[in-house]
């Protein structure tokens, strides 16, 4: 009986620790925590050699990538490097050149990979910038259509970006979750396009 209680307590403790690690593997966490979360994630199912980048391909025309990065989403360094070893940006990319990619598919990917709290933060997030704008339509490249929006949630910034053929469907889509402190630099970049 004592042994059964001890095993139950150990199992409960391990499950609690595993859930704590998975709930914390978001931008702002250490590289080590995010690597462990990716390895244990049932949806991502990384190959043994995949750590911060997970690639999946059904066919060459249909691909999925999850990427966790220490760099700001804007590519510009924010601060003085004090967050070294911290994940700043996590990105989900879907490519489907046969049936296309929609914003709804990107949202579903966000929901499947993160917990309900992150998904709900995204859904409630305030839209800061949407493109293309009416003024920007004349500058859009004739060969490529880009459509997206930048959101500010309570916890994170979110950037949804779809790329495709003008008048056709989007064949590439990305949803990026990033630290809110990196939001102003990205917003400036997007608004200056």
C-alpha atoms as a PDB file:
ATOM      1  CA  UNK A   1       0.000   0.000   0.000  1.00  0.00           C
ATOM      2  CA  UNK A   2       2.814   2.406   0.934  1.00  0.00           C
ATOM      3  CA  UNK A   3       4.555   1.634  -2.333  1.00  0.00           C
ATOM      4  CA  UNK A   4       1.384   2.350  -4.338  1.00  0.00           C
ATOM      5  CA  UNK A   5       0.931   5.718  -2.591  1.00  0.00           C
ATOM      6  CA  UNK A   6       4.593   6.586  -3.160  1.00  0.00           C
ATOM      7  CA  UNK A   7       4.339   5.701  -6.884  1.00  0.00           C
ATOM      8  CA  UNK A   8       1.124   7.729  -7.195  1.00  0.00           C
ATOM      9  CA  UNK A   9       2.784  10.748  -5.602  1.00  0.00           C
ATOM     10  CA  UNK A  10       5.827  10.403  -7.882  1.00  0.00           C
ATOM     11  CA  UNK A  11       3.617  10.075 -10.966  1.00  0.00           C
ATOM     12  CA  UNK A  12       1.570  13.082  -9.901  1.00  0.00           C
ATOM     13  CA  UNK A  13       4.708  15.117  -9.300  1.00  0.00           C
ATOM     14  CA  UNK A  14       6.125  14.181 -12.730  1.00  0.00           C
ATOM     15  CA  UNK A  15       2.851  15.136 -14.469  1.00  0.00           C
ATOM     16  CA  UNK A  16       2.761  18.446 -12.608  1.00  0.00           C
ATOM     17  CA  UNK A  17       6.365  19.222 -13.612  1.00  0.00           C
ATOM     18  CA  UNK A  18       5.685  18.250 -17.237  1.00  0.00           C
ATOM     19  CA  UNK A  19       2.623  20.493 -17.389  1.00  0.00           C
ATOM     20  CA  UNK A  20       4.555  23.363 -15.821  1.00  0.00           C
ATOM     21  CA  UNK A  21       7.312  23.038 -18.432  1.00  0.00           C
ATOM     22  CA  UNK A  22       4.822  22.892 -21.321  1.00  0.00           C
ATOM     23  CA  UNK A  23       2.885  25.899 -20.058  1.00  0.00           C
ATOM     24  CA  UNK A  24       6.065  27.963 -19.750  1.00  0.00           C
ATOM     25  CA  UNK A  25       7.631  27.218 -23.152  1.00  0.00           C
ATOM     26  CA  UNK A  26       6.768  30.523 -24.768  1.00  0.00           C
ATOM     27  CA  UNK A  27       8.732  33.609 -25.783  1.00  0.00           C
ATOM     28  CA  UNK A  28      10.560  34.859 -22.715  1.00  0.00           C
ATOM     29  CA  UNK A  29      11.565  31.377 -21.560  1.00  0.00           C
ATOM     30  CA  UNK A  30      15.045  29.923 -21.660  1.00  0.00           C
ATOM     31  CA  UNK A  31      16.334  28.073 -24.699  1.00  0.00           C
ATOM     32  CA  UNK A  32      16.675  24.948 -22.539  1.00  0.00           C
ATOM     33  CA  UNK A  33      13.007  25.036 -21.432  1.00  0.00           C
ATOM     34  CA  UNK A  34      11.786  25.585 -24.981  1.00  0.00           C
ATOM     35  CA  UNK A  35      13.967  22.757 -26.337  1.00  0.00           C
ATOM     36  CA  UNK A  36      12.526  20.390 -23.699  1.00  0.00           C
ATOM     37  CA  UNK A  37       8.973  21.542 -24.467  1.00  0.00           C
ATOM     38  CA  UNK A  38       9.476  20.975 -28.209  1.00  0.00           C
ATOM     39  CA  UNK A  39      10.896  17.485 -27.600  1.00  0.00           C
ATOM     40  CA  UNK A  40       7.905  16.519 -25.415  1.00  0.00           C
ATOM     41  CA  UNK A  41       5.208  18.195 -27.532  1.00  0.00           C
ATOM     42  CA  UNK A  42       2.771  15.639 -29.018  1.00  0.00           C
ATOM     43  CA  UNK A  43       1.785  17.868 -31.950  1.00  0.00           C
ATOM     44  CA  UNK A  44       5.289  18.942 -32.965  1.00  0.00           C
ATOM     45  CA  UNK A  45       6.876  15.453 -32.682  1.00  0.00           C
ATOM     46  CA  UNK A  46      10.403  16.567 -33.585  1.00  0.00           C
ATOM     47  CA  UNK A  47      12.946  14.262 -35.165  1.00  0.00           C
ATOM     48  CA  UNK A  48      15.861  13.327 -32.874  1.00  0.00           C
ATOM     49  CA  UNK A  49      18.117  15.966 -34.453  1.00  0.00           C
ATOM     50  CA  UNK A  50      15.541  18.791 -34.286  1.00  0.00           C
ATOM     51  CA  UNK A  51      15.836  21.174 -31.334  1.00  0.00           C
ATOM     52  CA  UNK A  52      14.515  24.703 -31.967  1.00  0.00           C
ATOM     53  CA  UNK A  53      13.290  24.081 -35.530  1.00  0.00           C
ATOM     54  CA  UNK A  54      10.806  21.357 -36.478  1.00  0.00           C
ATOM     55  CA  UNK A  55      10.067  20.644 -40.154  1.00  0.00           C
ATOM     56  CA  UNK A  56       7.314  18.418 -41.490  1.00  0.00           C
ATOM     57  CA  UNK A  57       6.385  17.753 -45.115  1.00  0.00           C
ATOM     58  CA  UNK A  58       3.437  15.682 -46.345  1.00  0.00           C
ATOM     59  CA  UNK A  59       4.599  16.381 -49.891  1.00  0.00           C
ATOM     60  CA  UNK A  60       6.957  19.012 -51.329  1.00  0.00           C
ATOM     61  CA  UNK A  61       3.847  21.136 -51.919  1.00  0.00           C
ATOM     62  CA  UNK A  62       2.618  20.900 -48.292  1.00  0.00           C
ATOM     63  CA  UNK A  63       4.966  21.774 -45.450  1.00  0.00           C
ATOM     64  CA  UNK A  64       4.900  22.843 -41.800  1.00  0.00           C
ATOM     65  CA  UNK A  65       7.697  24.517 -39.815  1.00  0.00           C
ATOM     66  CA  UNK A  66       7.852  25.523 -36.158  1.00  0.00           C
ATOM     67  CA  UNK A  67      10.807  27.734 -35.254  1.00  0.00           C
ATOM     68  CA  UNK A  68      11.874  29.192 -31.889  1.00  0.00           C
ATOM     69  CA  UNK A  69      14.457  32.003 -32.065  1.00  0.00           C
ATOM     70  CA  UNK A  70      16.520  34.130 -29.708  1.00  0.00           C
ATOM     71  CA  UNK A  71      16.264  37.065 -32.124  1.00  0.00           C
ATOM     72  CA  UNK A  72      13.585  39.764 -32.047  1.00  0.00           C
ATOM     73  CA  UNK A  73      10.806  39.363 -34.603  1.00  0.00           C
ATOM     74  CA  UNK A  74      11.876  42.587 -36.338  1.00  0.00           C
ATOM     75  CA  UNK A  75      15.428  41.348 -36.760  1.00  0.00           C
ATOM     76  CA  UNK A  76      16.626  44.420 -34.864  1.00  0.00           C
ATOM     77  CA  UNK A  77      18.272  43.893 -31.508  1.00  0.00           C
ATOM     78  CA  UNK A  78      16.195  45.216 -28.646  1.00  0.00           C
ATOM     79  CA  UNK A  79      18.031  46.252 -25.513  1.00  0.00           C
ATOM     80  CA  UNK A  80      21.637  45.464 -24.734  1.00  0.00           C
ATOM     81  CA  UNK A  81      21.672  41.678 -25.008  1.00  0.00           C
ATOM     82  CA  UNK A  82      20.549  41.124 -21.424  1.00  0.00           C
ATOM     83  CA  UNK A  83      18.118  38.435 -22.601  1.00  0.00           C
ATOM     84  CA  UNK A  84      20.794  36.228 -24.112  1.00  0.00           C
ATOM     85  CA  UNK A  85      19.701  32.596 -23.997  1.00  0.00           C
ATOM     86  CA  UNK A  86      16.033  33.615 -23.977  1.00  0.00           C
ATOM     87  CA  UNK A  87      13.591  32.750 -26.760  1.00  0.00           C
ATOM     88  CA  UNK A  88      12.136  36.001 -28.101  1.00  0.00           C
ATOM     89  CA  UNK A  89      10.173  34.733 -31.109  1.00  0.00           C
ATOM     90  CA  UNK A  90       8.277  31.560 -32.025  1.00  0.00           C
ATOM     91  CA  UNK A  91       6.962  31.104 -35.541  1.00  0.00           C
ATOM     92  CA  UNK A  92       4.594  28.650 -37.231  1.00  0.00           C
ATOM     93  CA  UNK A  93       4.789  28.485 -41.040  1.00  0.00           C
ATOM     94  CA  UNK A  94       2.397  26.585 -43.301  1.00  0.00           C
ATOM     95  CA  UNK A  95       3.029  26.101 -47.024  1.00  0.00           C
ATOM     96  CA  UNK A  96       0.373  24.602 -49.297  1.00  0.00           C
ATOM     97  CA  UNK A  97       0.777  25.316 -53.003  1.00  0.00           C
ATOM     98  CA  UNK A  98      -2.117  22.976 -53.888  1.00  0.00           C
ATOM     99  CA  UNK A  99      -5.045  24.126 -51.718  1.00  0.00           C
ATOM    100  CA  UNK A 100      -3.647  27.318 -50.212  1.00  0.00           C
ATOM    101  CA  UNK A 101      -3.271  28.563 -46.644  1.00  0.00           C
ATOM    102  CA  UNK A 102      -5.885  30.591 -44.771  1.00  0.00           C
ATOM    103  CA  UNK A 103      -5.780  32.724 -41.648  1.00  0.00           C
ATOM    104  CA  UNK A 104      -8.173  30.204 -40.056  1.00  0.00           C
ATOM    105  CA  UNK A 105      -5.632  27.395 -40.614  1.00  0.00           C
ATOM    106  CA  UNK A 106      -2.917  29.490 -38.979  1.00  0.00           C
ATOM    107  CA  UNK A 107      -5.200  30.184 -36.005  1.00  0.00           C
ATOM    108  CA  UNK A 108      -5.951  26.466 -35.685  1.00  0.00           C
ATOM    109  CA  UNK A 109      -2.201  25.725 -35.704  1.00  0.00           C
ATOM    110  CA  UNK A 110      -1.729  28.297 -32.945  1.00  0.00           C
ATOM    111  CA  UNK A 111      -4.487  26.641 -30.905  1.00  0.00           C
ATOM    112  CA  UNK A 112      -3.069  23.126 -31.446  1.00  0.00           C
ATOM    113  CA  UNK A 113       0.498  24.036 -30.461  1.00  0.00           C
ATOM    114  CA  UNK A 114      -0.126  26.397 -27.546  1.00  0.00           C
ATOM    115  CA  UNK A 115      -2.531  26.199 -24.636  1.00  0.00           C
ATOM    116  CA  UNK A 116      -5.943  27.858 -24.468  1.00  0.00           C
ATOM    117  CA  UNK A 117      -4.539  30.875 -22.591  1.00  0.00           C
ATOM    118  CA  UNK A 118      -2.219  31.808 -25.488  1.00  0.00           C
ATOM    119  CA  UNK A 119      -4.881  31.128 -28.110  1.00  0.00           C
ATOM    120  CA  UNK A 120      -7.398  33.277 -26.209  1.00  0.00           C
ATOM    121  CA  UNK A 121      -4.810  36.037 -25.758  1.00  0.00           C
ATOM    122  CA  UNK A 122      -4.395  36.024 -29.552  1.00  0.00           C
ATOM    123  CA  UNK A 123      -8.173  36.066 -30.178  1.00  0.00           C
ATOM    124  CA  UNK A 124      -8.670  39.024 -27.793  1.00  0.00           C
ATOM    125  CA  UNK A 125      -5.590  40.898 -29.025  1.00  0.00           C
ATOM    126  CA  UNK A 126      -5.994  44.415 -30.387  1.00  0.00           C
ATOM    127  CA  UNK A 127      -5.161  44.845 -34.086  1.00  0.00           C
ATOM    128  CA  UNK A 128      -2.473  47.531 -34.396  1.00  0.00           C
ATOM    129  CA  UNK A 129      -1.755  47.333 -38.110  1.00  0.00           C
ATOM    130  CA  UNK A 130      -3.323  45.605 -41.105  1.00  0.00           C
ATOM    131  CA  UNK A 131      -1.891  45.440 -44.621  1.00  0.00           C
ATOM    132  CA  UNK A 132      -2.115  46.128 -47.418  1.00  0.00           C
ATOM    133  CA  UNK A 133      -3.726  49.469 -46.685  1.00  0.00           C
ATOM    134  CA  UNK A 134      -5.723  51.335 -49.337  1.00  0.00           C
ATOM    135  CA  UNK A 135      -2.799  53.747 -49.779  1.00  0.00           C
ATOM    136  CA  UNK A 136      -0.327  50.880 -50.070  1.00  0.00           C
ATOM    137  CA  UNK A 137      -2.200  48.982 -52.787  1.00  0.00           C
ATOM    138  CA  UNK A 138      -0.498  50.930 -55.577  1.00  0.00           C
ATOM    139  CA  UNK A 139       2.926  49.822 -54.286  1.00  0.00           C
ATOM    140  CA  UNK A 140       2.089  46.116 -54.044  1.00  0.00           C
ATOM    141  CA  UNK A 141       4.377  43.900 -56.157  1.00  0.00           C
ATOM    142  CA  UNK A 142       2.377  42.671 -59.162  1.00  0.00           C
ATOM    143  CA  UNK A 143       3.783  39.134 -58.803  1.00  0.00           C
ATOM    144  CA  UNK A 144       3.166  38.643 -55.070  1.00  0.00           C
ATOM    145  CA  UNK A 145       0.205  39.362 -52.807  1.00  0.00           C
ATOM    146  CA  UNK A 146       0.913  39.959 -49.099  1.00  0.00           C
ATOM    147  CA  UNK A 147      -1.771  40.298 -46.504  1.00  0.00           C
ATOM    148  CA  UNK A 148      -1.435  40.402 -42.761  1.00  0.00           C
ATOM    149  CA  UNK A 149      -2.012  41.985 -39.424  1.00  0.00           C
ATOM    150  CA  UNK A 150      -0.113  42.827 -36.284  1.00  0.00           C
ATOM    151  CA  UNK A 151      -1.823  42.289 -32.922  1.00  0.00           C
ATOM    152  CA  UNK A 152      -1.044  43.196 -29.330  1.00  0.00           C
ATOM    153  CA  UNK A 153      -2.316  40.787 -26.704  1.00  0.00           C
ATOM    154  CA  UNK A 154      -2.056  41.016 -22.935  1.00  0.00           C
ATOM    155  CA  UNK A 155       0.896  38.592 -22.912  1.00  0.00           C
ATOM    156  CA  UNK A 156       2.461  38.645 -26.385  1.00  0.00           C
ATOM    157  CA  UNK A 157       2.572  40.267 -29.778  1.00  0.00           C
ATOM    158  CA  UNK A 158       1.182  38.314 -32.744  1.00  0.00           C
ATOM    159  CA  UNK A 159       1.913  38.732 -36.441  1.00  0.00           C
ATOM    160  CA  UNK A 160      -0.096  36.902 -39.106  1.00  0.00           C
ATOM    161  CA  UNK A 161       1.286  37.087 -42.656  1.00  0.00           C
ATOM    162  CA  UNK A 162      -0.086  35.444 -45.816  1.00  0.00           C
ATOM    163  CA  UNK A 163       1.767  35.409 -49.154  1.00  0.00           C
ATOM    164  CA  UNK A 164       0.363  34.290 -52.494  1.00  0.00           C
ATOM    165  CA  UNK A 165      -0.550  35.124 -56.049  1.00  0.00           C
ATOM    166  CA  UNK A 166      -2.536  38.304 -56.752  1.00  0.00           C
ATOM    167  CA  UNK A 167      -6.125  37.309 -57.447  1.00  0.00           C
ATOM    168  CA  UNK A 168      -5.305  33.761 -56.370  1.00  0.00           C
ATOM    169  CA  UNK A 169      -4.858  32.067 -53.054  1.00  0.00           C
ATOM    170  CA  UNK A 170      -2.198  32.405 -50.385  1.00  0.00           C
ATOM    171  CA  UNK A 171       0.298  29.546 -50.644  1.00  0.00           C
ATOM    172  CA  UNK A 172       2.402  30.530 -47.610  1.00  0.00           C
ATOM    173  CA  UNK A 173       1.252  31.633 -44.170  1.00  0.00           C
ATOM    174  CA  UNK A 174       3.042  32.479 -40.957  1.00  0.00           C
ATOM    175  CA  UNK A 175       1.825  33.235 -37.449  1.00  0.00           C
ATOM    176  CA  UNK A 176       4.490  34.592 -35.125  1.00  0.00           C
ATOM    177  CA  UNK A 177       4.281  34.857 -31.322  1.00  0.00           C
ATOM    178  CA  UNK A 178       6.817  37.241 -29.805  1.00  0.00           C
ATOM    179  CA  UNK A 179       7.729  39.341 -26.775  1.00  0.00           C
ATOM    180  CA  UNK A 180       5.626  42.501 -26.487  1.00  0.00           C
ATOM    181  CA  UNK A 181       8.728  44.630 -26.007  1.00  0.00           C
ATOM    182  CA  UNK A 182       9.672  43.819 -29.628  1.00  0.00           C
ATOM    183  CA  UNK A 183       6.331  45.090 -30.953  1.00  0.00           C
ATOM    184  CA  UNK A 184       7.228  48.784 -31.595  1.00  0.00           C
ATOM    185  CA  UNK A 185      10.177  47.946 -33.879  1.00  0.00           C
ATOM    186  CA  UNK A 186       8.089  45.520 -35.955  1.00  0.00           C
ATOM    187  CA  UNK A 187       5.159  47.931 -36.127  1.00  0.00           C
ATOM    188  CA  UNK A 188       7.486  50.666 -37.423  1.00  0.00           C
ATOM    189  CA  UNK A 189       8.880  48.292 -40.065  1.00  0.00           C
ATOM    190  CA  UNK A 190       5.448  47.203 -41.269  1.00  0.00           C
ATOM    191  CA  UNK A 191       4.016  50.723 -41.347  1.00  0.00           C
ATOM    192  CA  UNK A 192       6.956  51.997 -43.415  1.00  0.00           C
ATOM    193  CA  UNK A 193       6.382  49.448 -46.205  1.00  0.00           C
END
